[in-house]
Amino acid sequence: MSKIAVIGDPDSILSFAAVGFSTFEANDSETARKTIRNLATSDFGIIYITEYLAEQISDEIEKYRFQSSPAILSIPGMFGNTGAGMKGVYQSVEKAVGSNIL
């Protein structure tokens, strides 16, 4: 069974550990980039990453966009919602459907 990982600053990921997700602290883009690479070759099927970090390493995340696993999804962090997570969802739907349905 695939595991779920959460990458972000300590304050943003703390609650995810309480529900059993594997959490990985990353306060900068280089640490986040290395963590994504390590998790992508491991047993993780879903990787959540805070929007703040996801925006900084969007080129790295893009490498995994068309792979079936892992699914990399951005989530709001303690620094607030940047809208990047929803933008990614809209882009994925548009690619799957072939047009913007909203």
Protein backbone atom coordinates (compact mmCIF):
# COMPACT_ATOMS: atom_id res chain seq x y z
CA MET A 1 0.00 0.00 0.00
CA SER A 2 1.28 3.46 -0.89
CA LYS A 3 2.04 5.93 1.84
CA ILE A 4 1.19 9.62 2.08
CA ALA A 5 3.82 12.29 2.70
CA VAL A 6 3.54 15.96 3.62
CA ILE A 7 6.39 18.42 3.00
CA GLY A 8 6.53 21.88 4.49
CA ASP A 9 7.54 24.10 7.36
CA PRO A 10 7.15 22.61 10.86
CA ASP A 11 4.04 24.61 11.78
CA SER A 12 2.23 23.63 8.57
CA ILE A 13 2.90 19.89 8.76
CA LEU A 14 2.50 19.23 12.48
CA SER A 15 -1.19 18.33 12.35
CA PHE A 16 -0.65 15.87 9.48
CA ALA A 17 1.62 13.73 11.66
CA ALA A 18 -1.23 13.41 14.15
CA VAL A 19 -3.39 11.65 11.56
CA GLY A 20 -0.65 9.26 10.52
CA PHE A 21 0.92 10.90 7.47
CA SER A 22 4.69 10.88 7.11
CA THR A 23 5.93 14.44 7.49
CA PHE A 24 9.12 15.95 6.13
CA GLU A 25 10.35 19.34 7.24
CA ALA A 26 11.56 21.67 4.51
CA ASN A 27 12.14 25.37 5.02
CA ASP A 28 13.83 26.08 1.70
CA SER A 29 13.54 25.09 -1.94
CA GLU A 30 16.67 22.94 -2.05
CA THR A 31 15.55 20.77 0.87
CA ALA A 32 12.08 20.47 -0.66
CA ARG A 33 13.56 19.50 -4.03
CA LYS A 34 15.74 16.76 -2.49
CA THR A 35 12.83 15.47 -0.41
CA ILE A 36 10.55 15.22 -3.47
CA ARG A 37 13.22 13.25 -5.35
CA ASN A 38 13.71 10.84 -2.45
CA LEU A 39 10.01 10.31 -1.87
CA ALA A 40 9.25 9.84 -5.57
CA THR A 41 11.55 6.81 -5.66
CA SER A 42 10.12 5.41 -2.43
CA ASP A 43 6.82 3.92 -1.40
CA PHE A 44 4.83 7.17 -1.45
CA GLY A 45 1.79 7.41 -3.72
CA ILE A 46 0.70 10.88 -2.64
CA ILE A 47 2.90 13.80 -1.70
CA TYR A 48 1.37 16.98 -0.30
CA ILE A 49 3.59 20.06 -0.30
CA THR A 50 2.82 23.54 0.97
CA GLU A 51 1.95 26.02 -1.76
CA TYR A 52 4.81 28.28 -0.74
CA LEU A 53 7.39 25.56 -1.41
CA ALA A 54 5.56 24.15 -4.44
CA GLU A 55 5.79 27.51 -6.19
CA GLN A 56 9.53 27.61 -5.56
CA ILE A 57 10.13 24.16 -7.07
CA SER A 58 7.43 24.04 -9.73
CA ASP A 59 9.98 22.83 -12.31
CA GLU A 60 10.77 19.80 -10.15
CA ILE A 61 7.11 19.00 -9.54
CA GLU A 62 6.38 19.29 -13.27
CA LYS A 63 8.70 16.31 -13.89
CA TYR A 64 6.19 14.05 -12.11
CA ARG A 65 2.96 15.53 -13.51
CA PHE A 66 2.39 12.81 -16.13
CA GLN A 67 3.49 9.88 -14.00
CA SER A 68 0.85 7.77 -12.31
CA SER A 69 2.71 7.90 -9.03
CA PRO A 70 3.40 9.85 -6.96
CA ALA A 71 0.61 12.41 -7.17
CA ILE A 72 2.06 15.70 -5.93
CA LEU A 73 -0.53 18.15 -4.63
CA SER A 74 -0.01 21.57 -3.11
CA ILE A 75 -1.83 22.59 0.05
CA PRO A 76 -2.11 25.88 1.95
CA GLY A 77 0.44 26.30 4.69
CA MET A 78 0.72 28.49 7.76
CA PHE A 79 1.70 31.39 5.51
CA GLY A 80 -1.75 31.35 3.93
CA ASN A 81 -3.36 30.28 0.71
CA THR A 82 -1.63 31.52 -2.43
CA GLY A 83 -4.19 29.98 -4.80
CA ALA A 84 -1.53 27.78 -6.40
CA GLY A 85 -3.21 24.57 -5.24
CA MET A 86 -6.52 25.35 -6.91
CA LYS A 87 -4.74 26.59 -10.02
CA GLY A 88 -3.02 23.20 -10.28
CA VAL A 89 -6.33 21.38 -9.91
CA TYR A 90 -7.88 23.49 -12.67
CA GLN A 91 -4.92 22.81 -14.96
CA SER A 92 -5.15 19.07 -14.34
CA VAL A 93 -8.89 19.04 -15.09
CA GLU A 94 -8.34 21.10 -18.24
CA LYS A 95 -5.71 18.63 -19.47
CA ALA A 96 -7.91 15.63 -18.67
CA VAL A 97 -11.06 17.06 -20.25
CA GLY A 98 -9.44 18.97 -23.08
CA SER A 99 -10.94 22.35 -22.29
CA ASN A 100 -11.62 24.73 -19.45
CA ILE A 101 -14.97 23.69 -18.01
CA LEU A 102 -15.27 26.60 -15.56
